[in-house]
Protein backbone atom coordinates (compact mmCIF):
# COMPACT_ATOMS: atom_id res chain seq x y z
CA MET A 1 0.00 0.00 0.00
CA ASP A 2 1.00 3.58 -0.56
CA CYS A 3 0.98 6.51 1.84
CA LEU A 4 0.64 10.24 1.30
CA ALA A 5 2.57 12.75 3.40
CA VAL A 6 1.08 16.23 3.48
CA TYR A 7 3.38 19.16 4.30
CA ASP A 8 2.66 22.83 5.01
CA SER A 9 3.51 23.83 1.43
CA GLY A 10 4.25 22.42 -1.99
CA ASN A 11 7.83 23.69 -1.68
CA TYR A 12 8.36 21.59 1.45
CA THR A 13 7.03 18.56 -0.41
CA ILE A 14 9.44 19.09 -3.29
CA LYS A 15 12.40 19.68 -0.96
CA MET A 16 11.70 16.46 0.92
CA CYS A 17 11.26 14.51 -2.32
CA ARG A 18 14.70 15.73 -3.47
CA HIS A 19 16.17 14.85 -0.06
CA PHE A 20 14.89 11.28 -0.39
CA GLU A 21 16.05 11.04 -4.02
CA LYS A 22 19.60 11.87 -2.89
CA LYS A 23 19.32 8.95 -0.45
CA GLY A 24 18.27 6.62 -3.28
CA TYR A 25 14.50 6.48 -2.75
CA ALA A 26 12.09 6.86 -5.68
CA PHE A 27 9.16 8.71 -4.07
CA GLU A 28 6.95 11.04 -6.09
CA VAL A 29 5.24 14.39 -5.71
CA ILE A 30 1.57 14.26 -6.70
CA SER A 31 -1.42 16.57 -6.47
CA LEU A 32 -3.22 16.22 -3.17
CA PRO A 33 -6.50 14.34 -3.76
CA CYS A 34 -9.58 16.58 -3.43
CA LYS A 35 -11.06 14.23 -0.82
CA ILE A 36 -8.34 15.11 1.69
CA ALA A 37 -7.39 18.65 0.63
CA HIS A 38 -7.94 21.10 3.49
CA THR A 39 -7.03 24.33 1.72
CA GLY A 40 -7.41 24.19 -2.05
CA CYS A 41 -4.80 22.76 -4.38
CA SER A 42 -1.59 21.42 -2.94
CA TYR A 43 0.93 18.63 -3.35
CA CYS A 44 1.87 15.61 -1.29
CA LEU A 45 4.61 13.00 -1.20
CA LYS A 46 3.56 9.51 -2.31
CA PHE A 47 5.64 6.59 -1.05
CA PRO A 48 5.31 2.90 0.00
CA GLU A 49 3.84 2.45 3.48
CA GLU A 50 6.89 0.53 4.69
CA TYR A 51 8.82 3.85 4.72
CA LYS A 52 6.30 5.89 6.73
CA ASP A 53 8.31 5.98 9.98
CA MET A 54 11.46 6.99 8.11
CA VAL A 55 9.63 9.71 6.14
CA VAL A 56 8.12 11.21 9.31
CA ALA A 57 11.45 11.11 11.20
CA GLU A 58 13.58 12.49 8.33
CA SER A 59 11.05 15.25 7.63
CA LYS A 60 11.05 16.32 11.26
CA ALA A 61 14.86 16.28 11.33
CA MET A 62 14.94 18.52 8.23
CA ASN A 63 12.49 20.99 9.87
CA TYR A 64 9.74 20.18 7.34
CA PRO A 65 7.41 18.12 9.53
CA VAL A 66 4.65 16.01 8.04
CA ARG A 67 1.30 17.61 8.98
CA TYR A 68 -0.95 14.74 7.87
CA LEU A 69 -0.31 11.17 6.86
CA TYR A 70 -2.78 9.05 4.88
CA ARG A 71 -2.93 5.43 3.76
CA VAL A 72 -4.21 4.95 0.20
CA VAL A 73 -6.82 2.18 0.12
CA LYS A 74 -7.28 0.97 -3.45
CA GLY A 75 -10.92 0.66 -4.41
CA HIS A 76 -12.62 -0.93 -7.40
CA LEU A 77 -13.50 2.44 -8.93
CA LYS A 78 -12.04 5.02 -6.54
CA ASN A 79 -9.38 5.13 -3.87
CA THR A 80 -10.19 6.04 -0.29
CA TYR A 81 -7.85 7.56 2.26
CA GLU A 82 -7.36 6.61 5.91
CA LYS A 83 -5.70 9.14 8.18
CA ILE A 84 -2.75 7.70 10.09
CA PRO A 85 -1.98 9.29 13.48
CA LEU A 86 1.49 10.82 13.68
């Protein structure tokens, strides 16, 4: 399963994606799904769930803390999103 990490801004998301790329991880920046968007259009970091603890810890260490974390639940027609407590 995949997870989505939501940061305070799109710039933070891009900076963290680049940080993880330098460490050899292939995460991606995607548009935040409308179902979980709190304030209009934004971006989030999509990555495999097995890395969630590392993403949260590294983001905090880089002073770009994850504000919200979601699990992507694949549906037949649409995905749903489960909020994961930080």
